[in-house]
Protein backbone atom coordinates (compact mmCIF):
# COMPACT_ATOMS: atom_id res chain seq x y z
CA MET A 1 -6.03 35.18 17.33
CA ASN A 2 -8.82 36.53 15.23
CA SER A 3 -11.98 34.47 15.57
CA GLN A 4 -12.37 34.48 11.77
CA ILE A 5 -10.05 31.48 11.40
CA ARG A 6 -11.84 29.65 14.21
CA SER A 7 -15.21 30.33 12.57
CA MET A 8 -13.87 29.04 9.23
CA LEU A 9 -12.80 25.83 10.94
CA ASP A 10 -16.16 25.61 12.71
CA ALA A 11 -17.87 26.16 9.34
CA LYS A 12 -15.96 23.13 8.08
CA SER A 13 -14.21 25.05 5.32
CA PHE A 14 -10.97 23.24 6.19
CA ILE A 15 -12.56 19.88 6.84
CA LYS A 16 -12.85 17.10 4.31
CA ALA A 17 -14.39 13.68 4.70
CA ASP A 18 -12.93 10.34 3.72
CA GLU A 19 -14.91 7.49 2.21
CA LYS A 20 -16.69 6.89 5.49
CA THR A 21 -17.39 10.60 6.03
CA VAL A 22 -15.03 10.89 8.99
CA PRO A 23 -14.08 14.56 9.32
CA ILE A 24 -10.41 15.27 8.73
CA ILE A 25 -8.89 18.71 9.02
CA GLU A 26 -6.81 19.93 6.11
CA TRP A 27 -4.01 21.27 8.28
CA ILE A 28 -1.91 23.11 5.68
CA PRO A 29 -4.67 25.56 4.67
CA VAL A 30 -5.40 26.12 8.37
CA ILE A 31 -1.79 26.91 9.22
CA ASP A 32 -1.51 29.08 6.11
CA SER A 33 -4.46 31.07 7.44
CA ILE A 34 -2.69 31.42 10.78
CA LYS A 35 0.42 32.64 8.94
CA VAL A 36 -1.65 35.32 7.20
CA GLU A 37 -3.57 36.23 10.36
CA LEU A 38 -0.43 36.62 12.45
CA GLU A 39 1.27 38.43 9.56
CA PHE A 40 4.29 36.13 9.45
CA ALA A 41 6.46 37.00 6.48
CA GLU A 42 8.27 33.66 6.37
CA ASP A 43 7.50 30.02 6.96
CA ARG A 44 10.38 30.02 9.46
CA GLN A 45 8.32 32.29 11.74
CA LEU A 46 5.29 30.02 11.37
CA ALA A 47 7.39 26.92 12.07
CA ASP A 48 8.87 28.53 15.19
CA PHE A 49 5.39 29.48 16.34
CA LEU A 50 4.17 25.89 15.85
CA GLY A 51 7.24 24.46 17.57
CA ILE A 52 8.47 22.54 14.52
CA ALA A 53 11.52 22.79 12.29
CA PRO A 54 11.11 24.80 9.08
CA SER A 55 12.18 21.69 7.15
CA THR A 56 9.35 19.77 8.82
CA LEU A 57 6.87 22.40 7.70
CA SER A 58 8.26 22.14 4.17
CA GLU A 59 7.91 18.33 4.27
CA CYS A 60 4.30 18.70 5.47
CA ARG A 61 3.51 21.11 2.64
CA SER A 62 4.91 18.67 0.09
CA GLY A 63 2.85 15.82 1.53
CA ARG A 64 5.88 13.74 2.49
CA LEU A 65 5.20 14.18 6.21
CA ASN A 66 2.17 14.74 8.42
CA LEU A 67 1.99 17.57 10.92
CA SER A 68 2.87 16.23 14.36
CA PRO A 69 0.15 15.88 17.00
CA LEU A 70 1.90 18.53 19.12
CA ALA A 71 1.92 21.01 16.22
CA LYS A 72 -1.75 20.23 15.55
CA LEU A 73 -2.51 20.89 19.21
CA GLN A 74 -0.68 24.23 18.99
CA VAL A 75 -2.85 25.12 15.97
CA LEU A 76 -6.03 24.15 17.81
CA ILE A 77 -5.03 26.22 20.84
CA GLN A 78 -4.41 29.23 18.60
CA LEU A 79 -7.84 28.72 17.06
CA GLY A 80 -9.42 28.99 20.48
CA PHE A 81 -9.97 25.35 21.33
CA CYS A 82 -8.79 26.01 24.87
CA LYS A 83 -10.49 23.04 26.40
CA THR A 84 -8.27 20.01 26.31
CA GLU A 85 -11.28 17.80 25.66
CA ASP A 86 -12.22 19.72 22.50
CA ALA A 87 -8.71 19.37 21.10
CA ARG A 88 -8.45 15.73 22.19
CA GLN A 89 -11.69 14.85 20.41
CA ILE A 90 -10.57 16.49 17.17
CA LEU A 91 -7.19 14.79 17.22
CA LEU A 92 -8.69 11.44 18.22
CA GLN A 93 -11.19 11.52 15.34
CA GLU A 94 -8.40 12.28 12.93
CA GLU A 95 -6.17 9.53 14.32
CA VAL A 96 -8.97 6.95 14.05
CA ALA A 97 -9.71 8.03 10.47
CA GLU A 98 -6.02 7.74 9.57
CA LYS A 99 -5.78 4.25 11.09
CA LYS A 100 -8.86 3.15 9.12
CA ARG A 101 -7.40 4.59 5.92
CA ARG A 102 -4.09 2.74 6.43
CA ALA A 103 -5.91 -0.50 7.27
CA LYS A 104 -7.95 -0.20 4.08
CA GLU A 105 -4.79 0.40 2.06
CA ARG A 106 -3.21 -2.74 3.58
CA GLN A 107 -6.35 -4.75 2.86
CA ASP A 108 -6.50 -3.52 -0.73
CA LYS A 109 -2.83 -4.41 -1.21
CA LYS A 110 -3.41 -7.92 0.12
CA LEU A 111 -6.39 -8.38 -2.21
CA GLU A 112 -4.29 -7.26 -5.17
CA MET A 113 -1.59 -9.78 -4.23
CA LEU A 114 -4.15 -12.59 -3.94
CA LYS A 115 -5.67 -11.69 -7.33
CA ALA A 116 -2.20 -11.64 -8.88
CA LYS A 117 -1.45 -15.11 -7.47
CA GLN A 118 -4.73 -16.49 -8.80
CA ILE A 119 -4.00 -15.15 -12.27
CA SER A 120 -0.53 -16.74 -12.40
């Protein structure tokens, strides 16, 4: 794998931050870069490479599904994060950020319900 994709990830070009500035990788642009780098003509080749079904890749692209942890690990390995600890840290940070985001959504929903009850 060309180190250009790894350096882009290191340069945080595929990383966004949520409200609490927790780094989260934007996986679809990363895997699209891998597709280009490995010169895959079809998403089916990319999906096979990542060990996921082509339909799963399509669902991830549409935002209806998240890339599985195993597929993310495959991406990280291809980017040169050979050390398990490096990959674990990246995936753990993302998992924690996702849990916080879902907890905030639940809290916001509860607050909306309480406000609605107070108004009625």
